[in-house]
Amino acid sequence: MEYRRDLLWPRWAVWANVIVAITGAGGVLAVFDKSGALSWNGVLGFWIPVSTFAAGMTMNMVLILRRDARVAARQGARVSDTVVDRIPAAAPAAVIS
């Protein structure tokens, strides 16, 4: 049990990630059916696992960005200093003559 005041992940997010993992593992069974709801293009075999995965990754992204903003505010830095500066600059485009 984590007793820190500022948790890395909220408890509800941990359970949401467990649900995403279980749903994704259930989607693996879609290879055994050729038609119907459990098939590779069915509701239970494809669309629900993909939808929960997308929702879970969006949730994780929002939580990580919020955590980064809290840490930056605590350290007195701007959020742009911590998030944007980590993104590597694109290489200059080659000049085609």
N, C-alpha and C. Protein backbone atom coordinates (compact mmCIF):
# COMPACT_ATOMS: atom_id res chain seq x y z
N MET A 1 0.85 -1.18 0.00
CA MET A 1 0.00 0.00 0.00
C MET A 1 0.89 1.24 0.00
N GLU A 2 0.53 2.17 -0.82
CA GLU A 2 1.32 3.39 -0.93
C GLU A 2 0.69 4.46 -0.03
N TYR A 3 1.52 5.05 0.85
CA TYR A 3 1.01 6.00 1.82
C TYR A 3 1.49 7.42 1.57
N ARG A 4 2.11 7.68 0.43
CA ARG A 4 2.55 9.04 0.14
C ARG A 4 1.35 9.94 -0.06
N ARG A 5 1.55 11.21 0.23
CA ARG A 5 0.46 12.17 0.08
C ARG A 5 0.15 12.42 -1.40
N ASP A 6 1.18 12.52 -2.22
CA ASP A 6 1.01 12.78 -3.64
C ASP A 6 1.30 11.48 -4.39
N LEU A 7 0.26 10.72 -4.67
CA LEU A 7 0.42 9.42 -5.30
C LEU A 7 0.84 9.56 -6.75
N LEU A 8 1.61 8.61 -7.21
CA LEU A 8 2.01 8.60 -8.62
C LEU A 8 0.80 8.34 -9.51
N TRP A 9 0.00 7.34 -9.18
CA TRP A 9 -1.23 7.04 -9.90
C TRP A 9 -2.37 6.99 -8.90
N PRO A 10 -3.52 7.57 -9.24
CA PRO A 10 -4.69 7.39 -8.37
C PRO A 10 -5.12 5.92 -8.37
N ARG A 11 -5.76 5.52 -7.32
CA ARG A 11 -6.17 4.12 -7.21
C ARG A 11 -7.13 3.73 -8.32
N TRP A 12 -8.03 4.63 -8.71
CA TRP A 12 -8.98 4.30 -9.76
C TRP A 12 -8.27 4.09 -11.10
N ALA A 13 -7.15 4.78 -11.33
CA ALA A 13 -6.42 4.61 -12.58
C ALA A 13 -5.75 3.24 -12.64
N VAL A 14 -5.33 2.74 -11.51
CA VAL A 14 -4.73 1.40 -11.48
C VAL A 14 -5.77 0.36 -11.87
N TRP A 15 -6.97 0.48 -11.31
CA TRP A 15 -8.02 -0.47 -11.64
C TRP A 15 -8.46 -0.32 -13.10
N ALA A 16 -8.47 0.89 -13.60
CA ALA A 16 -8.82 1.10 -15.02
C ALA A 16 -7.79 0.43 -15.92
N ASN A 17 -6.51 0.50 -15.56
CA ASN A 17 -5.47 -0.16 -16.36
C ASN A 17 -5.58 -1.68 -16.29
N VAL A 18 -6.02 -2.21 -15.16
CA VAL A 18 -6.25 -3.65 -15.04
C VAL A 18 -7.39 -4.07 -15.97
N ILE A 19 -8.45 -3.26 -16.02
CA ILE A 19 -9.58 -3.57 -16.90
C ILE A 19 -9.15 -3.51 -18.36
N VAL A 20 -8.33 -2.53 -18.71
CA VAL A 20 -7.82 -2.44 -20.09
C VAL A 20 -7.00 -3.68 -20.43
N ALA A 21 -6.18 -4.15 -19.52
CA ALA A 21 -5.36 -5.34 -19.78
C ALA A 21 -6.22 -6.59 -19.93
N ILE A 22 -7.22 -6.74 -19.10
CA ILE A 22 -8.09 -7.92 -19.19
C ILE A 22 -8.89 -7.89 -20.48
N THR A 23 -9.38 -6.72 -20.84
CA THR A 23 -10.15 -6.59 -22.08
C THR A 23 -9.27 -6.89 -23.30
N GLY A 24 -8.04 -6.40 -23.29
CA GLY A 24 -7.13 -6.67 -24.40
C GLY A 24 -6.78 -8.13 -24.50
N ALA A 25 -6.64 -8.78 -23.37
CA ALA A 25 -6.34 -10.22 -23.39
C ALA A 25 -7.52 -11.01 -23.92
N GLY A 26 -8.72 -10.54 -23.65
CA GLY A 26 -9.90 -11.21 -24.20
C GLY A 26 -10.00 -11.05 -25.70
N GLY A 27 -9.49 -9.95 -26.22
CA GLY A 27 -9.51 -9.72 -27.66
C GLY A 27 -8.63 -10.68 -28.42
N VAL A 28 -7.68 -11.29 -27.75
CA VAL A 28 -6.80 -12.26 -28.40
C VAL A 28 -7.59 -13.50 -28.85
N LEU A 29 -8.66 -13.79 -28.16
CA LEU A 29 -9.47 -14.96 -28.50
C LEU A 29 -10.23 -14.79 -29.81
N ALA A 30 -10.20 -13.59 -30.39
CA ALA A 30 -10.95 -13.33 -31.62
C ALA A 30 -10.41 -14.12 -32.82
N VAL A 31 -9.21 -14.61 -32.74
CA VAL A 31 -8.66 -15.35 -33.87
C VAL A 31 -9.32 -16.71 -34.05
N PHE A 32 -10.07 -17.16 -33.08
CA PHE A 32 -10.68 -18.48 -33.17
C PHE A 32 -12.06 -18.47 -33.80
N ASP A 33 -12.68 -17.30 -33.96
CA ASP A 33 -14.00 -17.20 -34.58
C ASP A 33 -13.90 -16.48 -35.91
N LYS A 34 -14.68 -16.97 -36.89
CA LYS A 34 -14.65 -16.35 -38.22
C LYS A 34 -15.79 -15.36 -38.43
N SER A 35 -16.85 -15.47 -37.66
CA SER A 35 -17.98 -14.55 -37.80
C SER A 35 -18.65 -14.38 -36.45
N GLY A 36 -19.42 -13.33 -36.34
CA GLY A 36 -20.15 -13.08 -35.11
C GLY A 36 -19.48 -12.02 -34.25
N ALA A 37 -20.00 -11.87 -33.05
CA ALA A 37 -19.53 -10.82 -32.14
C ALA A 37 -18.11 -11.07 -31.63
N LEU A 38 -17.69 -12.33 -31.58
CA LEU A 38 -16.34 -12.64 -31.09
C LEU A 38 -15.30 -12.73 -32.19
N SER A 39 -15.67 -12.47 -33.44
CA SER A 39 -14.72 -12.58 -34.54
C SER A 39 -13.76 -11.40 -34.54
N TRP A 40 -12.82 -11.42 -35.48
CA TRP A 40 -11.78 -10.40 -35.53
C TRP A 40 -12.35 -9.02 -35.83
N ASN A 41 -13.52 -8.94 -36.46
CA ASN A 41 -14.14 -7.64 -36.73
C ASN A 41 -15.44 -7.46 -35.97
N GLY A 42 -15.67 -8.27 -34.97
CA GLY A 42 -16.89 -8.19 -34.19
C GLY A 42 -16.78 -7.20 -33.03
N VAL A 43 -17.89 -6.98 -32.38
CA VAL A 43 -17.96 -6.02 -31.29
C VAL A 43 -17.10 -6.46 -30.10
N LEU A 44 -17.24 -7.70 -29.69
CA LEU A 44 -16.50 -8.18 -28.52
C LEU A 44 -15.06 -8.56 -28.84
N GLY A 45 -14.80 -8.92 -30.06
CA GLY A 45 -13.46 -9.36 -30.44
C GLY A 45 -12.53 -8.24 -30.85
N PHE A 46 -13.10 -7.11 -31.34
CA PHE A 46 -12.25 -6.04 -31.84
C PHE A 46 -12.59 -4.68 -31.24
N TRP A 47 -13.85 -4.27 -31.39
CA TRP A 47 -14.19 -2.88 -31.08
C TRP A 47 -14.12 -2.56 -29.59
N ILE A 48 -14.54 -3.43 -28.73
CA ILE A 48 -14.46 -3.14 -27.29
C ILE A 48 -13.00 -3.15 -26.82
N PRO A 49 -12.16 -4.14 -27.20
CA PRO A 49 -10.74 -4.05 -26.80
C PRO A 49 -10.02 -2.81 -27.34
N VAL A 50 -10.29 -2.45 -28.60
CA VAL A 50 -9.63 -1.27 -29.17
C VAL A 50 -10.11 0.00 -28.48
N SER A 51 -11.41 0.09 -28.21
CA SER A 51 -11.95 1.28 -27.55
C SER A 51 -11.42 1.44 -26.13
N THR A 52 -11.36 0.35 -25.39
CA THR A 52 -10.83 0.45 -24.02
C THR A 52 -9.34 0.75 -24.03
N PHE A 53 -8.61 0.22 -25.00
CA PHE A 53 -7.18 0.52 -25.09
C PHE A 53 -6.97 2.01 -25.38
N ALA A 54 -7.74 2.55 -26.33
CA ALA A 54 -7.61 3.98 -26.67
C ALA A 54 -7.99 4.85 -25.48
N ALA A 55 -9.04 4.49 -24.78
CA ALA A 55 -9.45 5.26 -23.59
C ALA A 55 -8.40 5.16 -22.49
N GLY A 56 -7.83 3.98 -22.31
CA GLY A 56 -6.80 3.80 -21.29
C GLY A 56 -5.53 4.58 -21.59
N MET A 57 -5.11 4.59 -22.84
CA MET A 57 -3.91 5.36 -23.20
C MET A 57 -4.14 6.86 -23.08
N THR A 58 -5.35 7.31 -23.43
CA THR A 58 -5.68 8.73 -23.25
C THR A 58 -5.68 9.09 -21.78
N MET A 59 -6.25 8.24 -20.94
CA MET A 59 -6.27 8.47 -19.50
C MET A 59 -4.84 8.54 -18.95
N ASN A 60 -3.98 7.62 -19.38
CA ASN A 60 -2.60 7.62 -18.91
C ASN A 60 -1.86 8.87 -19.34
N MET A 61 -2.10 9.33 -20.57
CA MET A 61 -1.44 10.53 -21.06
C MET A 61 -1.86 11.75 -20.24
N VAL A 62 -3.15 11.87 -19.96
CA VAL A 62 -3.63 13.01 -19.17
C VAL A 62 -3.07 12.96 -17.76
N LEU A 63 -3.03 11.79 -17.15
CA LEU A 63 -2.50 11.67 -15.79
C LEU A 63 -1.00 11.98 -15.73
N ILE A 64 -0.25 11.56 -16.74
CA ILE A 64 1.19 11.84 -16.76
C ILE A 64 1.44 13.33 -16.94
N LEU A 65 0.67 13.98 -17.83
CA LEU A 65 0.85 15.42 -18.02
C LEU A 65 0.44 16.22 -16.78
N ARG A 66 -0.61 15.78 -16.10
CA ARG A 66 -0.99 16.45 -14.85
C ARG A 66 0.09 16.27 -13.78
N ARG A 67 0.65 15.09 -13.70
CA ARG A 67 1.71 14.82 -12.74
C ARG A 67 2.93 15.68 -13.05
N ASP A 68 3.28 15.80 -14.32
CA ASP A 68 4.41 16.62 -14.73
C ASP A 68 4.17 18.09 -14.39
N ALA A 69 2.95 18.56 -14.56
CA ALA A 69 2.62 19.95 -14.23
C ALA A 69 2.72 20.19 -12.72
N ARG A 70 2.28 19.20 -11.92
CA ARG A 70 2.38 19.35 -10.46
C ARG A 70 3.83 19.38 -10.01
N VAL A 71 4.66 18.51 -10.57
CA VAL A 71 6.07 18.48 -10.20
C VAL A 71 6.76 19.77 -10.62
N ALA A 72 6.42 20.27 -11.80
CA ALA A 72 7.01 21.52 -12.28
C ALA A 72 6.60 22.69 -11.40
N ALA A 73 5.34 22.73 -10.99
CA ALA A 73 4.87 23.81 -10.12
C ALA A 73 5.54 23.74 -8.75
N ARG A 74 5.77 22.54 -8.28
CA ARG A 74 6.43 22.38 -6.98
C ARG A 74 7.89 22.83 -7.04
N GLN A 75 8.53 22.62 -8.19
CA GLN A 75 9.93 23.00 -8.34
C GLN A 75 10.11 24.42 -8.83
N GLY A 76 9.01 25.10 -9.13
CA GLY A 76 9.08 26.48 -9.56
C GLY A 76 9.40 26.66 -11.03
N ALA A 77 9.29 25.62 -11.80
CA ALA A 77 9.57 25.71 -13.23
C ALA A 77 8.26 25.86 -13.99
N ARG A 78 8.35 26.34 -15.20
CA ARG A 78 7.17 26.40 -16.04
C ARG A 78 6.94 25.03 -16.64
N VAL A 79 5.68 24.75 -16.95
CA VAL A 79 5.35 23.45 -17.54
C VAL A 79 6.02 23.32 -18.90
N SER A 80 6.10 24.40 -19.64
CA SER A 80 6.71 24.31 -20.97
C SER A 80 8.20 23.97 -20.87
N ASP A 81 8.85 24.34 -19.77
CA ASP A 81 10.25 23.99 -19.60
C ASP A 81 10.44 22.49 -19.42
N THR A 82 9.46 21.83 -18.82
CA THR A 82 9.62 20.42 -18.54
C THR A 82 9.07 19.51 -19.62
N VAL A 83 8.01 19.92 -20.29
CA VAL A 83 7.38 19.05 -21.28
C VAL A 83 7.93 19.31 -22.67
N VAL A 84 7.91 20.55 -23.11
CA VAL A 84 8.27 20.85 -24.49
C VAL A 84 9.77 20.69 -24.73
N ASP A 85 10.59 21.03 -23.76
CA ASP A 85 12.03 20.96 -23.97
C ASP A 85 12.54 19.53 -24.07
N ARG A 86 11.74 18.57 -23.66
CA ARG A 86 12.16 17.18 -23.76
C ARG A 86 11.98 16.62 -25.17
N ILE A 87 11.15 17.29 -25.97
CA ILE A 87 10.90 16.81 -27.33
C ILE A 87 12.09 17.19 -28.19
N PRO A 88 12.73 16.23 -28.82
CA PRO A 88 13.90 16.57 -29.64
C PRO A 88 13.49 17.38 -30.86
N ALA A 89 14.35 18.28 -31.22
CA ALA A 89 14.07 19.12 -32.40
C ALA A 89 14.21 18.28 -33.66
N ALA A 90 13.41 18.61 -34.62
CA ALA A 90 13.46 17.87 -35.88
C ALA A 90 14.75 18.21 -36.63
N ALA A 91 15.27 17.23 -37.32
CA ALA A 91 16.49 17.45 -38.11
C ALA A 91 16.14 18.38 -39.27
N PRO A 92 17.06 19.24 -39.64
CA PRO A 92 16.75 20.14 -40.76
C PRO A 92 16.55 19.35 -42.05
N ALA A 93 15.62 19.84 -42.83
CA ALA A 93 15.30 19.15 -44.09
C ALA A 93 16.47 19.28 -45.07
N ALA A 94 16.72 18.24 -45.79
CA ALA A 94 17.79 18.25 -46.76
C ALA A 94 17.37 19.12 -47.95
N VAL A 95 18.28 19.88 -48.45
CA VAL A 95 18.01 20.75 -49.58
C VAL A 95 18.24 19.94 -50.85
N ILE A 96 17.20 19.83 -51.64
CA ILE A 96 17.29 19.09 -52.89
C ILE A 96 17.55 20.09 -54.01
N SER A 97 18.65 19.94 -54.70
CA SER A 97 18.96 20.91 -55.78
C SER A 97 18.81 20.29 -57.14
